[in-house]
Amino acid sequence: MTLKRREFSRAALALVAGFGTLAQAQKQKPEAGSDYAVLETPANVDAPAGKIEVVEFFWYSCPHCNEFEPALSDWVKKVPKDVAFRRVPIAFNASFVPQQRLYYTLETMGLLERLHAKVFAAIHVEKLKLATGESIVEWVGKNGVDTTKFLAEYNSFGVDAKTKRASQLQNAYKVEGVPALGVAGRYYTDGSLAKSMGRALQVVDSLVADLRPTAAKPAKKP
């Protein structure tokens, strides 16, 4: 499922009409225009030379991002060495910015591995809002983070610059809902296009394979 920009306070579209339709889609090679979109103007990428960048656009308060996170985390653990993955928190309006800052502050402080999943759990299991700087600082403090250091990073120029770049990338990919995935600054897919986020990961795998130089592709077994 994908939470749409116009619907982020309501339930998103249904995944698919039936299992037969999804099973059929999974067997077909992804097609531009139906399973994914091709960007008219390529977006910037941060991946090193020789790496294929995959980006997840997400929002901590999005229930569908929360549902997608376990499958995405499993997928990330198995990505080939030539894939560079990164998450990008979106901001459809100013109320999203505190959580953008939360993500990039955790990243800067090296706390993502310990607290990224816990943020989702706090919001969707414990039902905490974590929508303001004050509530975020209180929460990280309860999770053993030095709040003075956290606030210094949270309000820093570096984190401010990262949130601005995140919004620029979101606009470059024309993100209309989350969770969503971008590939190599060229392609975009989400649960609505691919019919499910599981299928969206398959679309990404196919696009990554197509982007590899021929010589780098694994040889097929006879």
N, C-alpha and C. Protein backbone atom coordinates (compact mmCIF):
# COMPACT_ATOMS: atom_id res chain seq x y z
N MET A 1 0.84 -1.19 0.00
CA MET A 1 0.00 0.00 0.00
C MET A 1 0.87 1.24 0.00
N THR A 2 0.33 2.32 -0.53
CA THR A 2 1.08 3.57 -0.59
C THR A 2 0.20 4.69 -0.05
N LEU A 3 0.70 5.45 0.88
CA LEU A 3 -0.03 6.58 1.43
C LEU A 3 0.18 7.78 0.52
N LYS A 4 -0.90 8.24 -0.11
CA LYS A 4 -0.81 9.31 -1.09
C LYS A 4 -0.67 10.67 -0.45
N ARG A 5 0.00 11.56 -1.19
CA ARG A 5 0.17 12.95 -0.72
C ARG A 5 -1.18 13.56 -0.37
N ARG A 6 -2.19 13.31 -1.20
CA ARG A 6 -3.51 13.89 -0.97
C ARG A 6 -4.28 13.16 0.11
N GLU A 7 -3.76 12.01 0.55
CA GLU A 7 -4.53 11.18 1.47
C GLU A 7 -3.75 10.80 2.71
N PHE A 8 -2.69 11.56 3.08
CA PHE A 8 -1.83 11.09 4.14
C PHE A 8 -2.53 11.10 5.50
N SER A 9 -3.72 11.67 5.61
CA SER A 9 -4.45 11.60 6.87
C SER A 9 -5.58 10.57 6.80
N ARG A 10 -5.68 9.85 5.65
CA ARG A 10 -6.71 8.83 5.48
C ARG A 10 -6.10 7.52 5.03
N ALA A 11 -6.91 6.50 4.90
CA ALA A 11 -6.40 5.20 4.43
C ALA A 11 -6.03 5.31 2.98
N ALA A 12 -4.98 4.56 2.56
CA ALA A 12 -4.53 4.59 1.17
C ALA A 12 -5.34 3.61 0.33
N LEU A 13 -5.04 3.55 -0.96
CA LEU A 13 -5.73 2.67 -1.88
C LEU A 13 -5.50 1.22 -1.53
N ALA A 14 -6.43 0.35 -1.93
CA ALA A 14 -6.27 -1.09 -1.72
C ALA A 14 -5.11 -1.59 -2.55
N LEU A 15 -4.47 -2.67 -2.10
CA LEU A 15 -3.30 -3.20 -2.79
C LEU A 15 -3.63 -3.71 -4.18
N VAL A 16 -4.60 -4.60 -4.28
CA VAL A 16 -4.91 -5.22 -5.55
C VAL A 16 -6.25 -5.90 -5.45
N ALA A 17 -6.93 -6.09 -6.57
CA ALA A 17 -8.27 -6.65 -6.55
C ALA A 17 -8.29 -8.11 -6.11
N GLY A 18 -7.28 -8.88 -6.48
CA GLY A 18 -7.28 -10.29 -6.12
C GLY A 18 -5.91 -10.89 -6.25
N PHE A 19 -5.71 -12.07 -5.64
CA PHE A 19 -4.41 -12.72 -5.66
C PHE A 19 -4.01 -13.13 -7.07
N GLY A 20 -4.99 -13.49 -7.90
CA GLY A 20 -4.67 -13.91 -9.27
C GLY A 20 -4.02 -12.80 -10.07
N THR A 21 -4.55 -11.59 -9.91
CA THR A 21 -4.00 -10.43 -10.63
C THR A 21 -2.56 -10.16 -10.19
N LEU A 22 -2.31 -10.23 -8.88
CA LEU A 22 -0.97 -9.98 -8.36
C LEU A 22 0.00 -11.06 -8.80
N ALA A 23 -0.44 -12.32 -8.74
CA ALA A 23 0.44 -13.42 -9.14
C ALA A 23 0.84 -13.28 -10.60
N GLN A 24 -0.10 -12.88 -11.43
CA GLN A 24 0.19 -12.70 -12.85
C GLN A 24 1.18 -11.56 -13.05
N ALA A 25 1.00 -10.47 -12.31
CA ALA A 25 1.90 -9.32 -12.43
C ALA A 25 3.32 -9.68 -12.02
N GLN A 26 3.44 -10.54 -11.00
CA GLN A 26 4.76 -10.90 -10.51
C GLN A 26 5.56 -11.69 -11.53
N LYS A 27 4.88 -12.39 -12.43
CA LYS A 27 5.56 -13.22 -13.41
C LYS A 27 6.00 -12.40 -14.63
N GLN A 28 5.41 -11.24 -14.80
CA GLN A 28 5.70 -10.43 -15.98
C GLN A 28 6.86 -9.49 -15.73
N LYS A 29 7.63 -9.23 -16.78
CA LYS A 29 8.72 -8.26 -16.66
C LYS A 29 8.10 -6.88 -16.48
N PRO A 30 8.59 -6.10 -15.52
CA PRO A 30 8.03 -4.77 -15.29
C PRO A 30 8.07 -3.90 -16.54
N GLU A 31 7.03 -3.11 -16.71
CA GLU A 31 6.92 -2.24 -17.88
C GLU A 31 6.84 -0.79 -17.46
N ALA A 32 7.55 0.05 -18.20
CA ALA A 32 7.51 1.49 -17.95
C ALA A 32 6.10 2.00 -18.20
N GLY A 33 5.64 2.88 -17.32
CA GLY A 33 4.32 3.45 -17.49
C GLY A 33 3.24 2.71 -16.74
N SER A 34 3.48 1.42 -16.47
CA SER A 34 2.48 0.65 -15.71
C SER A 34 3.04 0.19 -14.37
N ASP A 35 4.26 -0.34 -14.36
CA ASP A 35 4.87 -0.81 -13.11
C ASP A 35 5.81 0.23 -12.50
N TYR A 36 6.31 1.12 -13.31
CA TYR A 36 7.20 2.17 -12.81
C TYR A 36 7.17 3.35 -13.77
N ALA A 37 7.60 4.49 -13.28
CA ALA A 37 7.66 5.71 -14.09
C ALA A 37 9.10 6.03 -14.43
N VAL A 38 9.32 6.57 -15.61
CA VAL A 38 10.64 7.02 -16.03
C VAL A 38 10.69 8.54 -15.87
N LEU A 39 11.66 9.02 -15.10
CA LEU A 39 11.75 10.46 -14.87
C LEU A 39 12.17 11.19 -16.15
N GLU A 40 11.47 12.26 -16.46
CA GLU A 40 11.82 13.07 -17.63
C GLU A 40 13.17 13.76 -17.42
N THR A 41 13.39 14.24 -16.21
CA THR A 41 14.66 14.86 -15.85
C THR A 41 15.31 14.03 -14.75
N PRO A 42 16.47 13.44 -14.99
CA PRO A 42 17.11 12.59 -13.98
C PRO A 42 17.35 13.34 -12.67
N ALA A 43 17.16 12.63 -11.57
CA ALA A 43 17.42 13.20 -10.24
C ALA A 43 18.88 13.00 -9.86
N ASN A 44 19.36 13.79 -8.93
CA ASN A 44 20.74 13.65 -8.45
C ASN A 44 20.90 12.34 -7.68
N VAL A 45 22.06 11.74 -7.78
CA VAL A 45 22.36 10.53 -7.01
C VAL A 45 23.61 10.78 -6.17
N ASP A 46 23.67 10.11 -5.02
CA ASP A 46 24.83 10.23 -4.13
C ASP A 46 25.71 9.00 -4.16
N ALA A 47 25.31 8.00 -4.92
CA ALA A 47 26.05 6.74 -4.93
C ALA A 47 27.42 6.91 -5.57
N PRO A 48 28.44 6.22 -5.07
CA PRO A 48 29.77 6.27 -5.68
C PRO A 48 29.75 5.70 -7.09
N ALA A 49 30.77 6.00 -7.86
CA ALA A 49 30.88 5.47 -9.22
C ALA A 49 30.85 3.95 -9.18
N GLY A 50 30.13 3.36 -10.10
CA GLY A 50 30.03 1.91 -10.16
C GLY A 50 28.93 1.32 -9.30
N LYS A 51 28.23 2.17 -8.55
CA LYS A 51 27.14 1.72 -7.70
C LYS A 51 25.80 2.19 -8.28
N ILE A 52 24.78 1.37 -8.11
CA ILE A 52 23.43 1.71 -8.54
C ILE A 52 22.64 2.12 -7.31
N GLU A 53 22.17 3.35 -7.29
CA GLU A 53 21.49 3.87 -6.11
C GLU A 53 20.01 3.49 -6.08
N VAL A 54 19.57 3.01 -4.93
CA VAL A 54 18.16 2.75 -4.67
C VAL A 54 17.76 3.56 -3.45
N VAL A 55 16.68 4.31 -3.56
CA VAL A 55 16.22 5.20 -2.50
C VAL A 55 14.82 4.79 -2.05
N GLU A 56 14.62 4.72 -0.74
CA GLU A 56 13.26 4.57 -0.23
C GLU A 56 12.82 5.91 0.33
N PHE A 57 11.67 6.41 -0.13
CA PHE A 57 11.04 7.60 0.43
C PHE A 57 10.02 7.13 1.47
N PHE A 58 10.09 7.70 2.67
CA PHE A 58 9.21 7.23 3.74
C PHE A 58 8.85 8.36 4.69
N TRP A 59 7.90 8.06 5.55
CA TRP A 59 7.48 8.97 6.62
C TRP A 59 7.24 8.12 7.85
N TYR A 60 7.85 8.45 8.96
CA TYR A 60 7.72 7.63 10.15
C TYR A 60 6.26 7.42 10.57
N SER A 61 5.42 8.42 10.39
CA SER A 61 4.03 8.30 10.84
C SER A 61 3.13 7.58 9.84
N CYS A 62 3.66 7.20 8.70
CA CYS A 62 2.86 6.50 7.68
C CYS A 62 2.68 5.04 8.09
N PRO A 63 1.44 4.56 8.24
CA PRO A 63 1.23 3.16 8.64
C PRO A 63 1.74 2.18 7.60
N HIS A 64 1.69 2.55 6.32
CA HIS A 64 2.15 1.64 5.28
C HIS A 64 3.68 1.56 5.22
N CYS A 65 4.35 2.64 5.59
CA CYS A 65 5.80 2.61 5.71
C CYS A 65 6.20 1.70 6.86
N ASN A 66 5.44 1.76 7.93
CA ASN A 66 5.68 0.89 9.08
C ASN A 66 5.50 -0.58 8.69
N GLU A 67 4.45 -0.88 7.93
CA GLU A 67 4.19 -2.25 7.50
C GLU A 67 5.27 -2.75 6.52
N PHE A 68 5.79 -1.84 5.72
CA PHE A 68 6.77 -2.19 4.70
C PHE A 68 8.17 -2.37 5.27
N GLU A 69 8.45 -1.74 6.39
CA GLU A 69 9.80 -1.70 6.93
C GLU A 69 10.44 -3.08 7.14
N PRO A 70 9.75 -4.07 7.73
CA PRO A 70 10.40 -5.38 7.91
C PRO A 70 10.83 -6.03 6.59
N ALA A 71 9.95 -5.96 5.57
CA ALA A 71 10.29 -6.55 4.27
C ALA A 71 11.44 -5.78 3.62
N LEU A 72 11.42 -4.47 3.76
CA LEU A 72 12.50 -3.65 3.19
C LEU A 72 13.82 -3.96 3.88
N SER A 73 13.81 -4.07 5.19
CA SER A 73 15.03 -4.36 5.94
C SER A 73 15.62 -5.69 5.51
N ASP A 74 14.77 -6.69 5.31
CA ASP A 74 15.24 -8.00 4.84
C ASP A 74 15.84 -7.88 3.44
N TRP A 75 15.20 -7.09 2.59
CA TRP A 75 15.69 -6.90 1.22
C TRP A 75 17.06 -6.20 1.24
N VAL A 76 17.20 -5.19 2.09
CA VAL A 76 18.45 -4.43 2.18
C VAL A 76 19.61 -5.33 2.58
N LYS A 77 19.36 -6.28 3.46
CA LYS A 77 20.42 -7.18 3.91
C LYS A 77 20.97 -8.05 2.78
N LYS A 78 20.18 -8.20 1.72
CA LYS A 78 20.56 -9.12 0.64
C LYS A 78 20.97 -8.40 -0.64
N VAL A 79 21.02 -7.07 -0.63
CA VAL A 79 21.34 -6.36 -1.87
C VAL A 79 22.76 -6.65 -2.31
N PRO A 80 22.99 -6.76 -3.62
CA PRO A 80 24.34 -7.00 -4.13
C PRO A 80 25.27 -5.84 -3.79
N LYS A 81 26.57 -6.09 -3.90
CA LYS A 81 27.56 -5.08 -3.53
C LYS A 81 27.54 -3.86 -4.44
N ASP A 82 26.97 -4.01 -5.64
CA ASP A 82 26.95 -2.86 -6.55
C ASP A 82 25.71 -1.99 -6.36
N VAL A 83 24.93 -2.25 -5.32
CA VAL A 83 23.74 -1.44 -5.02
C VAL A 83 24.00 -0.59 -3.78
N ALA A 84 23.76 0.71 -3.90
CA ALA A 84 23.89 1.63 -2.76
C ALA A 84 22.49 2.05 -2.35
N PHE A 85 22.07 1.64 -1.16
CA PHE A 85 20.72 1.93 -0.68
C PHE A 85 20.74 3.04 0.35
N ARG A 86 19.73 3.89 0.31
CA ARG A 86 19.57 4.90 1.36
C ARG A 86 18.09 5.25 1.53
N ARG A 87 17.74 5.66 2.72
CA ARG A 87 16.39 6.10 3.01
C ARG A 87 16.33 7.62 2.96
N VAL A 88 15.20 8.14 2.52
CA VAL A 88 15.01 9.59 2.46
C VAL A 88 13.64 9.91 3.08
N PRO A 89 13.62 10.58 4.24
CA PRO A 89 12.35 10.98 4.85
C PRO A 89 11.72 12.14 4.07
N ILE A 90 10.43 12.02 3.79
CA ILE A 90 9.77 13.04 2.96
C ILE A 90 9.12 14.12 3.83
N ALA A 91 8.73 15.21 3.18
CA ALA A 91 7.99 16.27 3.86
C ALA A 91 6.99 16.85 2.87
N PHE A 92 5.73 16.39 2.98
CA PHE A 92 4.68 16.93 2.12
C PHE A 92 4.25 18.32 2.58
N ASN A 93 4.52 18.63 3.85
CA ASN A 93 4.28 19.98 4.36
C ASN A 93 5.17 20.18 5.59
N ALA A 94 5.11 21.36 6.19
CA ALA A 94 6.02 21.71 7.28
C ALA A 94 5.88 20.81 8.50
N SER A 95 4.71 20.19 8.69
CA SER A 95 4.52 19.36 9.87
C SER A 95 5.36 18.08 9.82
N PHE A 96 5.88 17.72 8.64
CA PHE A 96 6.70 16.52 8.49
C PHE A 96 8.16 16.77 8.86
N VAL A 97 8.57 18.03 8.89
CA VAL A 97 9.99 18.37 9.05
C VAL A 97 10.61 17.86 10.36
N PRO A 98 9.91 17.92 11.51
CA PRO A 98 10.53 17.39 12.73
C PRO A 98 10.98 15.94 12.59
N GLN A 99 10.20 15.11 11.90
CA GLN A 99 10.60 13.72 11.73
C GLN A 99 11.72 13.58 10.70
N GLN A 100 11.77 14.48 9.72
CA GLN A 100 12.93 14.51 8.83
C GLN A 100 14.19 14.77 9.65
N ARG A 101 14.11 15.78 10.52
CA ARG A 101 15.26 16.13 11.36
C ARG A 101 15.62 14.99 12.31
N LEU A 102 14.61 14.30 12.83
CA LEU A 102 14.86 13.16 13.70
C LEU A 102 15.69 12.12 12.97
N TYR A 103 15.29 11.77 11.75
CA TYR A 103 16.02 10.74 11.00
C TYR A 103 17.48 11.16 10.77
N TYR A 104 17.67 12.36 10.29
CA TYR A 104 19.03 12.79 9.96
C TYR A 104 19.89 13.04 11.20
N THR A 105 19.26 13.38 12.31
CA THR A 105 20.02 13.52 13.56
C THR A 105 20.49 12.15 14.04
N LEU A 106 19.60 11.16 13.98
CA LEU A 106 19.99 9.79 14.34
C LEU A 106 21.10 9.30 13.42
N GLU A 107 21.00 9.63 12.14
CA GLU A 107 22.02 9.21 11.18
C GLU A 107 23.37 9.84 11.54
N THR A 108 23.36 11.13 11.80
CA THR A 108 24.59 11.86 12.12
C THR A 108 25.25 11.32 13.39
N MET A 109 24.41 10.92 14.35
CA MET A 109 24.93 10.45 15.62
C MET A 109 25.22 8.95 15.63
N GLY A 110 25.02 8.30 14.49
CA GLY A 110 25.28 6.86 14.41
C GLY A 110 24.29 6.02 15.20
N LEU A 111 23.05 6.50 15.31
CA LEU A 111 22.04 5.82 16.13
C LEU A 111 20.93 5.15 15.32
N LEU A 112 21.03 5.19 14.00
CA LEU A 112 19.95 4.63 13.20
C LEU A 112 19.75 3.14 13.44
N GLU A 113 20.83 2.41 13.48
CA GLU A 113 20.71 0.96 13.66
C GLU A 113 19.99 0.61 14.95
N ARG A 114 20.22 1.41 15.98
CA ARG A 114 19.61 1.13 17.29
C ARG A 114 18.19 1.66 17.41
N LEU A 115 17.91 2.82 16.76
CA LEU A 115 16.65 3.50 17.05
C LEU A 115 15.68 3.65 15.88
N HIS A 116 16.11 3.39 14.65
CA HIS A 116 15.22 3.59 13.50
C HIS A 116 13.93 2.77 13.65
N ALA A 117 14.05 1.47 13.89
CA ALA A 117 12.87 0.62 14.04
C ALA A 117 12.07 1.00 15.28
N LYS A 118 12.76 1.47 16.31
CA LYS A 118 12.08 1.86 17.54
C LYS A 118 11.20 3.10 17.35
N VAL A 119 11.58 3.97 16.42
CA VAL A 119 10.75 5.14 16.13
C VAL A 119 9.41 4.66 15.56
N PHE A 120 9.47 3.74 14.60
CA PHE A 120 8.23 3.19 14.04
C PHE A 120 7.38 2.56 15.13
N ALA A 121 8.02 1.77 16.02
CA ALA A 121 7.28 1.09 17.08
C ALA A 121 6.66 2.10 18.05
N ALA A 122 7.39 3.16 18.36
CA ALA A 122 6.87 4.17 19.27
C ALA A 122 5.60 4.81 18.72
N ILE A 123 5.59 5.07 17.43
CA ILE A 123 4.46 5.75 16.80
C ILE A 123 3.29 4.79 16.56
N HIS A 124 3.59 3.60 16.04
CA HIS A 124 2.51 2.72 15.58
C HIS A 124 2.09 1.65 16.58
N VAL A 125 2.94 1.36 17.55
CA VAL A 125 2.59 0.38 18.59
C VAL A 125 2.25 1.09 19.90
N GLU A 126 3.16 1.99 20.31
CA GLU A 126 2.93 2.71 21.56
C GLU A 126 2.00 3.91 21.38
N LYS A 127 1.72 4.26 20.12
CA LYS A 127 0.79 5.35 19.79
C LYS A 127 1.28 6.72 20.26
N LEU A 128 2.59 6.93 20.23
CA LEU A 128 3.14 8.24 20.54
C LEU A 128 3.13 9.10 19.28
N LYS A 129 2.93 10.38 19.43
CA LYS A 129 2.84 11.27 18.26
C LYS A 129 4.20 11.55 17.63
N LEU A 130 5.17 11.93 18.43
CA LEU A 130 6.52 12.29 17.95
C LEU A 130 6.44 13.22 16.74
N ALA A 131 5.60 14.24 16.86
CA ALA A 131 5.38 15.15 15.74
C ALA A 131 6.03 16.52 15.94
N THR A 132 6.60 16.74 17.12
CA THR A 132 7.24 18.03 17.40
C THR A 132 8.65 17.79 17.93
N GLY A 133 9.46 18.83 17.86
CA GLY A 133 10.81 18.72 18.38
C GLY A 133 10.81 18.36 19.85
N GLU A 134 9.88 18.94 20.62
CA GLU A 134 9.82 18.68 22.06
C GLU A 134 9.52 17.21 22.36
N SER A 135 8.52 16.65 21.66
CA SER A 135 8.16 15.25 21.91
C SER A 135 9.27 14.31 21.45
N ILE A 136 9.96 14.68 20.39
CA ILE A 136 11.06 13.86 19.89
C ILE A 136 12.22 13.85 20.87
N VAL A 137 12.59 15.02 21.37
CA VAL A 137 13.69 15.11 22.33
C VAL A 137 13.37 14.32 23.60
N GLU A 138 12.13 14.44 24.06
CA GLU A 138 11.72 13.69 25.25
C GLU A 138 11.85 12.18 25.00
N TRP A 139 11.45 11.74 23.81
CA TRP A 139 11.49 10.31 23.50
C TRP A 139 12.93 9.80 23.40
N VAL A 140 13.79 10.52 22.70
CA VAL A 140 15.17 10.04 22.57
C VAL A 140 15.87 10.02 23.92
N GLY A 141 15.51 10.97 24.79
CA GLY A 141 16.09 10.99 26.13
C GLY A 141 15.72 9.73 26.91
N LYS A 142 14.48 9.30 26.76
CA LYS A 142 14.02 8.08 27.44
C LYS A 142 14.68 6.83 26.86
N ASN A 143 15.27 6.98 25.66
CA ASN A 143 15.94 5.85 25.03
C ASN A 143 17.46 5.94 25.14
N GLY A 144 17.91 6.66 26.15
CA GLY A 144 19.32 6.66 26.48
C GLY A 144 20.20 7.59 25.66
N VAL A 145 19.59 8.54 24.94
CA VAL A 145 20.37 9.47 24.13
C VAL A 145 20.63 10.76 24.93
N ASP A 146 21.84 11.27 24.83
CA ASP A 146 22.19 12.55 25.45
C ASP A 146 21.40 13.65 24.75
N THR A 147 20.42 14.22 25.44
CA THR A 147 19.53 15.18 24.79
C THR A 147 20.24 16.48 24.41
N THR A 148 21.26 16.85 25.15
CA THR A 148 22.01 18.07 24.81
C THR A 148 22.72 17.89 23.47
N LYS A 149 23.39 16.75 23.31
CA LYS A 149 24.06 16.46 22.04
C LYS A 149 23.05 16.29 20.91
N PHE A 150 21.94 15.63 21.22
CA PHE A 150 20.91 15.43 20.20
C PHE A 150 20.37 16.76 19.70
N LEU A 151 20.04 17.66 20.63
CA LEU A 151 19.50 18.97 20.24
C LEU A 151 20.49 19.76 19.41
N ALA A 152 21.77 19.67 19.76
CA ALA A 152 22.80 20.39 19.01
C ALA A 152 22.82 19.93 17.56
N GLU A 153 22.71 18.61 17.35
CA GLU A 153 22.69 18.08 15.99
C GLU A 153 21.35 18.37 15.31
N TYR A 154 20.26 18.20 16.05
CA TYR A 154 18.91 18.40 15.51
C TYR A 154 18.75 19.81 14.93
N ASN A 155 19.36 20.78 15.58
CA ASN A 155 19.25 22.19 15.15
C ASN A 155 20.46 22.65 14.33
N SER A 156 21.32 21.72 13.94
CA SER A 156 22.55 22.08 13.24
C SER A 156 22.33 22.43 11.78
N PHE A 157 23.30 23.14 11.22
CA PHE A 157 23.27 23.48 9.79
C PHE A 157 23.31 22.22 8.94
N GLY A 158 24.09 21.24 9.40
CA GLY A 158 24.23 20.01 8.63
C GLY A 158 22.92 19.28 8.46
N VAL A 159 22.17 19.13 9.55
CA VAL A 159 20.86 18.46 9.49
C VAL A 159 19.88 19.30 8.67
N ASP A 160 19.95 20.62 8.83
CA ASP A 160 19.08 21.50 8.04
C ASP A 160 19.34 21.31 6.54
N ALA A 161 20.61 21.22 6.17
CA ALA A 161 20.96 21.03 4.76
C ALA A 161 20.46 19.68 4.24
N LYS A 162 20.54 18.64 5.07
CA LYS A 162 20.08 17.32 4.65
C LYS A 162 18.57 17.29 4.44
N THR A 163 17.82 17.98 5.29
CA THR A 163 16.37 18.00 5.11
C THR A 163 16.00 18.73 3.83
N LYS A 164 16.73 19.78 3.51
CA LYS A 164 16.46 20.52 2.27
C LYS A 164 16.78 19.66 1.05
N ARG A 165 17.89 18.92 1.10
CA ARG A 165 18.24 18.05 -0.02
C ARG A 165 17.22 16.92 -0.15
N ALA A 166 16.71 16.44 0.99
CA ALA A 166 15.69 15.39 0.95
C ALA A 166 14.44 15.88 0.23
N SER A 167 14.02 17.08 0.54
CA SER A 167 12.83 17.63 -0.12
C SER A 167 13.07 17.89 -1.60
N GLN A 168 14.28 18.30 -1.94
CA GLN A 168 14.62 18.50 -3.35
C GLN A 168 14.57 17.18 -4.11
N LEU A 169 15.08 16.11 -3.50
CA LEU A 169 15.06 14.81 -4.15
C LEU A 169 13.63 14.28 -4.26
N GLN A 170 12.85 14.49 -3.22
CA GLN A 170 11.44 14.11 -3.25
C GLN A 170 10.73 14.77 -4.43
N ASN A 171 11.00 16.05 -4.64
CA ASN A 171 10.38 16.77 -5.75
C ASN A 171 10.92 16.31 -7.10
N ALA A 172 12.21 16.00 -7.16
CA ALA A 172 12.82 15.54 -8.41
C ALA A 172 12.21 14.22 -8.86
N TYR A 173 11.91 13.35 -7.89
CA TYR A 173 11.28 12.06 -8.21
C TYR A 173 9.76 12.18 -8.33
N LYS A 174 9.23 13.38 -8.02
CA LYS A 174 7.78 13.63 -8.08
C LYS A 174 7.02 12.63 -7.20
N VAL A 175 7.50 12.48 -5.98
CA VAL A 175 6.89 11.53 -5.05
C VAL A 175 5.48 11.99 -4.69
N GLU A 176 4.51 11.12 -4.91
CA GLU A 176 3.13 11.43 -4.60
C GLU A 176 2.59 10.62 -3.44
N GLY A 177 3.32 9.63 -2.99
CA GLY A 177 2.88 8.81 -1.87
C GLY A 177 4.04 8.03 -1.30
N VAL A 178 3.86 7.53 -0.09
CA VAL A 178 4.90 6.72 0.55
C VAL A 178 4.28 5.46 1.14
N PRO A 179 5.08 4.38 1.23
CA PRO A 179 6.48 4.28 0.82
C PRO A 179 6.60 4.27 -0.70
N ALA A 180 7.76 4.72 -1.19
CA ALA A 180 8.05 4.74 -2.61
C ALA A 180 9.53 4.46 -2.81
N LEU A 181 9.89 4.05 -4.02
CA LEU A 181 11.26 3.68 -4.32
C LEU A 181 11.76 4.36 -5.58
N GLY A 182 13.00 4.86 -5.52
CA GLY A 182 13.64 5.46 -6.67
C GLY A 182 14.88 4.67 -7.04
N VAL A 183 15.17 4.60 -8.32
CA VAL A 183 16.32 3.82 -8.78
C VAL A 183 17.19 4.66 -9.70
N ALA A 184 18.44 4.84 -9.32
CA ALA A 184 19.47 5.46 -10.15
C ALA A 184 19.12 6.85 -10.66
N GLY A 185 18.26 7.54 -9.96
CA GLY A 185 17.86 8.88 -10.40
C GLY A 185 17.04 8.87 -11.66
N ARG A 186 16.59 7.69 -12.10
CA ARG A 186 15.89 7.57 -13.38
C ARG A 186 14.48 7.02 -13.28
N TYR A 187 14.26 6.14 -12.29
CA TYR A 187 13.01 5.40 -12.24
C TYR A 187 12.34 5.54 -10.88
N TYR A 188 11.01 5.47 -10.89
CA TYR A 188 10.22 5.62 -9.67
C TYR A 188 9.11 4.58 -9.65
N THR A 189 8.90 3.96 -8.49
CA THR A 189 7.77 3.04 -8.34
C THR A 189 7.24 3.11 -6.92
N ASP A 190 6.00 2.66 -6.75
CA ASP A 190 5.40 2.59 -5.42
C ASP A 190 4.33 1.50 -5.43
N GLY A 191 3.61 1.38 -4.33
CA GLY A 191 2.62 0.32 -4.22
C GLY A 191 1.46 0.45 -5.17
N SER A 192 1.13 1.67 -5.56
CA SER A 192 0.03 1.87 -6.50
C SER A 192 0.43 1.46 -7.91
N LEU A 193 1.63 1.83 -8.32
CA LEU A 193 2.10 1.47 -9.65
C LEU A 193 2.35 -0.03 -9.76
N ALA A 194 3.06 -0.58 -8.78
CA ALA A 194 3.48 -1.98 -8.85
C ALA A 194 2.41 -2.94 -8.33
N LYS A 195 1.34 -2.41 -7.75
CA LYS A 195 0.22 -3.18 -7.20
C LYS A 195 0.46 -3.69 -5.78
N SER A 196 1.68 -3.62 -5.29
CA SER A 196 2.00 -3.91 -3.89
C SER A 196 3.45 -3.50 -3.68
N MET A 197 3.85 -3.30 -2.43
CA MET A 197 5.24 -2.93 -2.17
C MET A 197 6.16 -4.13 -2.34
N GLY A 198 5.64 -5.34 -2.13
CA GLY A 198 6.44 -6.53 -2.41
C GLY A 198 6.79 -6.60 -3.88
N ARG A 199 5.80 -6.32 -4.72
CA ARG A 199 6.02 -6.28 -6.17
C ARG A 199 6.94 -5.12 -6.54
N ALA A 200 6.84 -4.00 -5.80
CA ALA A 200 7.70 -2.85 -6.08
C ALA A 200 9.17 -3.22 -5.90
N LEU A 201 9.47 -4.04 -4.89
CA LEU A 201 10.85 -4.49 -4.70
C LEU A 201 11.29 -5.37 -5.87
N GLN A 202 10.39 -6.16 -6.42
CA GLN A 202 10.72 -6.97 -7.59
C GLN A 202 10.99 -6.09 -8.80
N VAL A 203 10.22 -5.01 -8.92
CA VAL A 203 10.45 -4.05 -10.00
C VAL A 203 11.84 -3.44 -9.86
N VAL A 204 12.20 -3.07 -8.63
CA VAL A 204 13.53 -2.49 -8.38
C VAL A 204 14.62 -3.49 -8.75
N ASP A 205 14.45 -4.74 -8.35
CA ASP A 205 15.44 -5.77 -8.69
C ASP A 205 15.62 -5.88 -10.20
N SER A 206 14.52 -5.83 -10.93
CA SER A 206 14.58 -5.93 -12.39
C SER A 206 15.29 -4.72 -13.00
N LEU A 207 14.97 -3.54 -12.51
CA LEU A 207 15.61 -2.32 -13.02
C LEU A 207 17.10 -2.31 -12.72
N VAL A 208 17.47 -2.73 -11.52
CA VAL A 208 18.89 -2.80 -11.15
C VAL A 208 19.62 -3.76 -12.07
N ALA A 209 19.03 -4.91 -12.35
CA ALA A 209 19.65 -5.89 -13.24
C ALA A 209 19.85 -5.31 -14.63
N ASP A 210 18.87 -4.55 -15.11
CA ASP A 210 18.97 -3.95 -16.44
C ASP A 210 20.02 -2.85 -16.51
N LEU A 211 20.28 -2.21 -15.36
CA LEU A 211 21.24 -1.11 -15.33
C LEU A 211 22.68 -1.58 -15.24
N ARG A 212 22.89 -2.83 -14.88
CA ARG A 212 24.25 -3.34 -14.78
C ARG A 212 24.90 -3.44 -16.16
N PRO A 213 26.20 -3.12 -16.25
CA PRO A 213 26.92 -3.36 -17.51
C PRO A 213 26.85 -4.85 -17.84
N THR A 214 26.77 -5.18 -19.11
CA THR A 214 26.63 -6.57 -19.53
C THR A 214 27.70 -7.46 -18.93
N ALA A 215 28.93 -6.96 -18.89
CA ALA A 215 30.04 -7.77 -18.38
C ALA A 215 29.91 -8.07 -16.90
N ALA A 216 29.15 -7.22 -16.20
CA ALA A 216 29.04 -7.38 -14.75
C ALA A 216 27.90 -8.31 -14.36
N LYS A 217 27.05 -8.69 -15.33
CA LYS A 217 25.92 -9.53 -15.02
C LYS A 217 26.38 -10.97 -14.81
N PRO A 218 25.81 -11.62 -13.80
CA PRO A 218 26.19 -13.02 -13.55
C PRO A 218 25.91 -13.90 -14.76
N ALA A 219 26.81 -14.83 -15.02
CA ALA A 219 26.59 -15.73 -16.15
C ALA A 219 25.43 -16.66 -15.84
N LYS A 220 24.63 -16.96 -16.85
CA LYS A 220 23.49 -17.84 -16.67
C LYS A 220 23.96 -19.29 -16.65
N LYS A 221 23.30 -20.07 -15.81
CA LYS A 221 23.64 -21.50 -15.77
C LYS A 221 23.14 -22.18 -17.03
N PRO A 222 23.92 -23.15 -17.58
CA PRO A 222 23.48 -23.85 -18.80
C PRO A 222 22.25 -24.69 -18.53
